[in-house]
Amino acid sequence: MYWKLRIPLLLCSFGIISGFVQTFHHLFFVNIPYLINSVIFIGLIVIIFTLLEKTRVNEKKVHFSLGAAIILFGISFDYLMV
């Protein structure tokens, strides 16, 4: 069973960006309201996803277990960075 990398890479990027933002919040967001923090976080996700779409990395097909491993890496990265 094969799967396109679109969803696994999106979920992995959510985890990685979330981990970095939570760990290094003093570098990213200094004295900025919560609404603007959320917009910046979503903007980072959109930029990464757009780059993946433009380079056609999302169109590659991988085995289902590798896709699940990519998702688990993003989730574990988020938990380990906190």
C-alpha atoms as a PDB file:
ATOM      1  CA  MET A   1       0.000   0.000   0.000  1.00  0.00           C
ATOM      2  CA  TYR A   2       1.498   3.313  -1.070  1.00  0.00           C
ATOM      3  CA  TRP A   3       0.762   6.816   0.077  1.00  0.00           C
ATOM      4  CA  LYS A   4       1.625  10.289  -1.216  1.00  0.00           C
ATOM      5  CA  LEU A   5       3.888  12.287   1.078  1.00  0.00           C
ATOM      6  CA  ARG A   6       1.508  15.244   1.280  1.00  0.00           C
ATOM      7  CA  ILE A   7      -0.215  14.414   4.593  1.00  0.00           C
ATOM      8  CA  PRO A   8       2.795  12.886   6.405  1.00  0.00           C
ATOM      9  CA  LEU A   9       5.013  15.857   5.566  1.00  0.00           C
ATOM     10  CA  LEU A  10       2.326  18.332   6.597  1.00  0.00           C
ATOM     11  CA  LEU A  11       1.847  16.650   9.971  1.00  0.00           C
ATOM     12  CA  CYS A  12       5.598  16.296  10.438  1.00  0.00           C
ATOM     13  CA  SER A  13       6.121  19.991   9.709  1.00  0.00           C
ATOM     14  CA  PHE A  14       3.420  20.862  12.267  1.00  0.00           C
ATOM     15  CA  GLY A  15       5.333  18.882  14.891  1.00  0.00           C
ATOM     16  CA  ILE A  16       8.757  20.262  14.029  1.00  0.00           C
ATOM     17  CA  ILE A  17       7.671  23.903  13.860  1.00  0.00           C
ATOM     18  CA  SER A  18       5.630  23.498  17.054  1.00  0.00           C
ATOM     19  CA  GLY A  19       8.624  22.019  18.867  1.00  0.00           C
ATOM     20  CA  PHE A  20      10.937  24.810  17.773  1.00  0.00           C
ATOM     21  CA  VAL A  21       8.437  27.559  18.583  1.00  0.00           C
ATOM     22  CA  GLN A  22       7.717  26.170  22.061  1.00  0.00           C
ATOM     23  CA  THR A  23      11.385  25.658  22.903  1.00  0.00           C
ATOM     24  CA  PHE A  24      12.809  28.866  21.446  1.00  0.00           C
ATOM     25  CA  HIS A  25       9.817  31.166  21.965  1.00  0.00           C
ATOM     26  CA  HIS A  26      12.066  33.948  23.253  1.00  0.00           C
ATOM     27  CA  LEU A  27      13.887  34.031  19.882  1.00  0.00           C
ATOM     28  CA  PHE A  28      10.810  33.973  17.672  1.00  0.00           C
ATOM     29  CA  PHE A  29       8.200  35.999  19.516  1.00  0.00           C
ATOM     30  CA  VAL A  30       9.250  38.858  21.758  1.00  0.00           C
ATOM     31  CA  ASN A  31       6.431  40.972  23.225  1.00  0.00           C
ATOM     32  CA  ILE A  32       3.979  40.109  20.447  1.00  0.00           C
ATOM     33  CA  PRO A  33       0.262  39.476  21.106  1.00  0.00           C
ATOM     34  CA  TYR A  34      -1.045  35.901  20.970  1.00  0.00           C
ATOM     35  CA  LEU A  35      -2.997  36.484  17.745  1.00  0.00           C
ATOM     36  CA  ILE A  36       0.123  37.564  15.874  1.00  0.00           C
ATOM     37  CA  ASN A  37       2.010  34.547  17.315  1.00  0.00           C
ATOM     38  CA  SER A  38      -0.634  32.266  15.829  1.00  0.00           C
ATOM     39  CA  VAL A  39      -0.472  34.008  12.455  1.00  0.00           C
ATOM     40  CA  ILE A  40       3.327  33.660  12.369  1.00  0.00           C
ATOM     41  CA  PHE A  41       3.099  29.960  13.280  1.00  0.00           C
ATOM     42  CA  ILE A  42       0.565  29.264  10.544  1.00  0.00           C
ATOM     43  CA  GLY A  43       2.601  31.382   8.116  1.00  0.00           C
ATOM     44  CA  LEU A  44       5.685  29.245   8.753  1.00  0.00           C
ATOM     45  CA  ILE A  45       3.656  26.110   8.055  1.00  0.00           C
ATOM     46  CA  VAL A  46       2.284  27.621   4.821  1.00  0.00           C
ATOM     47  CA  ILE A  47       5.779  28.607   3.649  1.00  0.00           C
ATOM     48  CA  ILE A  48       7.148  25.105   4.265  1.00  0.00           C
ATOM     49  CA  PHE A  49       4.142  23.451   2.619  1.00  0.00           C
ATOM     50  CA  THR A  50       4.403  25.766  -0.395  1.00  0.00           C
ATOM     51  CA  LEU A  51       8.099  24.949  -0.810  1.00  0.00           C
ATOM     52  CA  LEU A  52       7.302  21.235  -0.672  1.00  0.00           C
ATOM     53  CA  GLU A  53       4.578  21.677  -3.294  1.00  0.00           C
ATOM     54  CA  LYS A  54       6.794  23.724  -5.629  1.00  0.00           C
ATOM     55  CA  THR A  55       9.610  21.165  -5.473  1.00  0.00           C
ATOM     56  CA  ARG A  56       7.085  18.332  -5.979  1.00  0.00           C
ATOM     57  CA  VAL A  57       8.306  16.433  -2.941  1.00  0.00           C
ATOM     58  CA  ASN A  58       4.679  15.954  -1.880  1.00  0.00           C
ATOM     59  CA  GLU A  59       3.901  13.993  -5.041  1.00  0.00           C
ATOM     60  CA  LYS A  60       6.299  11.159  -4.258  1.00  0.00           C
ATOM     61  CA  LYS A  61       4.719   7.891  -3.177  1.00  0.00           C
ATOM     62  CA  VAL A  62       6.091   5.963  -0.209  1.00  0.00           C
ATOM     63  CA  HIS A  63       5.040   2.860   1.663  1.00  0.00           C
ATOM     64  CA  PHE A  64       2.364   3.371   4.313  1.00  0.00           C
ATOM     65  CA  SER A  65       4.742   2.402   7.141  1.00  0.00           C
ATOM     66  CA  LEU A  66       7.271   5.052   6.081  1.00  0.00           C
ATOM     67  CA  GLY A  67       4.508   7.674   6.012  1.00  0.00           C
ATOM     68  CA  ALA A  68       3.416   6.648   9.500  1.00  0.00           C
ATOM     69  CA  ALA A  69       7.051   6.827  10.657  1.00  0.00           C
ATOM     70  CA  ILE A  70       7.353  10.393   9.313  1.00  0.00           C
ATOM     71  CA  ILE A  71       4.203  11.392  11.216  1.00  0.00           C
ATOM     72  CA  LEU A  72       5.457   9.744  14.415  1.00  0.00           C
ATOM     73  CA  PHE A  73       8.786  11.549  14.021  1.00  0.00           C
ATOM     74  CA  GLY A  74       7.003  14.916  13.900  1.00  0.00           C
ATOM     75  CA  ILE A  75       4.891  14.081  16.956  1.00  0.00           C
ATOM     76  CA  SER A  76       7.845  12.768  18.954  1.00  0.00           C
ATOM     77  CA  PHE A  77       9.969  15.782  17.962  1.00  0.00           C
ATOM     78  CA  ASP A  78       7.271  18.066  19.354  1.00  0.00           C
ATOM     79  CA  TYR A  79       7.105  16.164  22.646  1.00  0.00           C
ATOM     80  CA  LEU A  80      10.874  15.922  23.042  1.00  0.00           C
ATOM     81  CA  MET A  81      11.463  19.618  22.434  1.00  0.00           C
ATOM     82  CA  VAL A  82       9.110  20.703  25.226  1.00  0.00           C
END
